[in-house]
Amino acid sequence: MEPLFIKKLKDVIREQVAIDNSVQIDGIGKFYKVHHNQTQKKAEDGSVVIMPPKDSIEFKSQINLPHDD
């Protein structure tokens, strides 16, 4: 595929997922937004670090690859 097509496809997927639309590409899979809540973790020095909430794009493949047994 042409690099410009890939860039434009990526831009469309990112824009649509950002406004809470999932993107389904038949025969390939689905891109969608997942929200991760704020978390806390303890640093090596004992201090508490707060990780802010964030959204990420996840992908669910429709392609089933054969298993090599």
C-alpha atoms as a PDB file:
ATOM      1  CA  MET A   1       0.000   0.000   0.000  1.00  0.00           C
ATOM      2  CA  GLU A   2       1.092   3.523  -0.647  1.00  0.00           C
ATOM      3  CA  PRO A   3       2.548   5.393   2.362  1.00  0.00           C
ATOM      4  CA  LEU A   4       0.132   8.308   1.815  1.00  0.00           C
ATOM      5  CA  PHE A   5      -2.869   5.947   1.901  1.00  0.00           C
ATOM      6  CA  ILE A   6      -1.637   4.381   5.165  1.00  0.00           C
ATOM      7  CA  LYS A   7      -1.154   7.844   6.714  1.00  0.00           C
ATOM      8  CA  LYS A   8      -4.639   8.970   5.673  1.00  0.00           C
ATOM      9  CA  LEU A   9      -6.206   5.725   6.920  1.00  0.00           C
ATOM     10  CA  LYS A  10      -4.441   6.146  10.269  1.00  0.00           C
ATOM     11  CA  ASP A  11      -5.670   9.746  10.503  1.00  0.00           C
ATOM     12  CA  VAL A  12      -9.292   8.732   9.805  1.00  0.00           C
ATOM     13  CA  ILE A  13      -9.162   5.909  12.361  1.00  0.00           C
ATOM     14  CA  ARG A  14      -7.676   8.214  15.022  1.00  0.00           C
ATOM     15  CA  GLU A  15     -10.235  10.972  14.353  1.00  0.00           C
ATOM     16  CA  GLN A  16     -13.213   8.617  14.469  1.00  0.00           C
ATOM     17  CA  VAL A  17     -12.086   6.789  17.595  1.00  0.00           C
ATOM     18  CA  ALA A  18     -11.410  10.131  19.313  1.00  0.00           C
ATOM     19  CA  ILE A  19     -15.099  11.036  18.916  1.00  0.00           C
ATOM     20  CA  ASP A  20     -16.176   7.640  20.314  1.00  0.00           C
ATOM     21  CA  ASN A  21     -16.882   5.938  16.978  1.00  0.00           C
ATOM     22  CA  SER A  22     -15.419   2.503  16.381  1.00  0.00           C
ATOM     23  CA  VAL A  23     -13.942   1.760  12.956  1.00  0.00           C
ATOM     24  CA  GLN A  24     -14.744  -1.623  11.395  1.00  0.00           C
ATOM     25  CA  ILE A  25     -12.734  -2.804   8.382  1.00  0.00           C
ATOM     26  CA  ASP A  26     -14.497  -5.869   6.993  1.00  0.00           C
ATOM     27  CA  GLY A  27     -12.267  -8.919   6.895  1.00  0.00           C
ATOM     28  CA  ILE A  28      -9.569  -7.245   8.985  1.00  0.00           C
ATOM     29  CA  GLY A  29     -10.966  -6.087  12.321  1.00  0.00           C
ATOM     30  CA  LYS A  30     -12.235  -3.280  14.494  1.00  0.00           C
ATOM     31  CA  PHE A  31     -10.524  -0.253  16.112  1.00  0.00           C
ATOM     32  CA  TYR A  32     -12.135   1.216  19.240  1.00  0.00           C
ATOM     33  CA  LYS A  33     -11.398   3.458  22.223  1.00  0.00           C
ATOM     34  CA  VAL A  34     -10.770   2.052  25.707  1.00  0.00           C
ATOM     35  CA  HIS A  35     -10.722   4.301  28.780  1.00  0.00           C
ATOM     36  CA  HIS A  36      -8.228   3.551  31.560  1.00  0.00           C
ATOM     37  CA  ASN A  37      -9.015   5.050  34.966  1.00  0.00           C
ATOM     38  CA  GLN A  38      -6.514   6.922  37.124  1.00  0.00           C
ATOM     39  CA  THR A  39      -4.216   4.568  39.040  1.00  0.00           C
ATOM     40  CA  GLN A  40      -1.601   4.844  41.758  1.00  0.00           C
ATOM     41  CA  LYS A  41       1.657   3.003  42.086  1.00  0.00           C
ATOM     42  CA  LYS A  42       4.443   3.079  44.598  1.00  0.00           C
ATOM     43  CA  ALA A  43       7.852   4.182  43.348  1.00  0.00           C
ATOM     44  CA  GLU A  44      11.093   2.525  44.441  1.00  0.00           C
ATOM     45  CA  ASP A  45      11.730   5.339  46.930  1.00  0.00           C
ATOM     46  CA  GLY A  46       8.354   4.688  48.593  1.00  0.00           C
ATOM     47  CA  SER A  47       6.576   7.731  47.199  1.00  0.00           C
ATOM     48  CA  VAL A  48       3.192   7.351  45.557  1.00  0.00           C
ATOM     49  CA  VAL A  49       2.939   8.196  41.876  1.00  0.00           C
ATOM     50  CA  ILE A  50      -0.481   9.012  40.440  1.00  0.00           C
ATOM     51  CA  MET A  51      -0.953   7.900  36.858  1.00  0.00           C
ATOM     52  CA  PRO A  52      -3.603  10.071  35.165  1.00  0.00           C
ATOM     53  CA  PRO A  53      -6.561   8.576  33.318  1.00  0.00           C
ATOM     54  CA  LYS A  54      -6.046   8.007  29.624  1.00  0.00           C
ATOM     55  CA  ASP A  55      -7.737   6.690  26.527  1.00  0.00           C
ATOM     56  CA  SER A  56      -6.107   4.279  24.125  1.00  0.00           C
ATOM     57  CA  ILE A  57      -7.004   2.763  20.774  1.00  0.00           C
ATOM     58  CA  GLU A  58      -7.346  -1.013  20.728  1.00  0.00           C
ATOM     59  CA  PHE A  59      -7.756  -3.408  17.831  1.00  0.00           C
ATOM     60  CA  LYS A  60      -9.776  -6.636  17.640  1.00  0.00           C
ATOM     61  CA  SER A  61      -8.712  -8.764  14.685  1.00  0.00           C
ATOM     62  CA  GLN A  62     -11.162 -10.770  12.587  1.00  0.00           C
ATOM     63  CA  ILE A  63      -8.343 -12.744  11.008  1.00  0.00           C
ATOM     64  CA  ASN A  64      -7.934 -16.286  12.274  1.00  0.00           C
ATOM     65  CA  LEU A  65      -4.441 -17.604  11.629  1.00  0.00           C
ATOM     66  CA  PRO A  66      -3.921 -21.357  11.481  1.00  0.00           C
ATOM     67  CA  HIS A  67      -2.016 -22.898  14.398  1.00  0.00           C
ATOM     68  CA  ASP A  68       1.196 -24.764  13.688  1.00  0.00           C
ATOM     69  CA  ASP A  69       1.032 -27.889  15.826  1.00  0.00           C
END
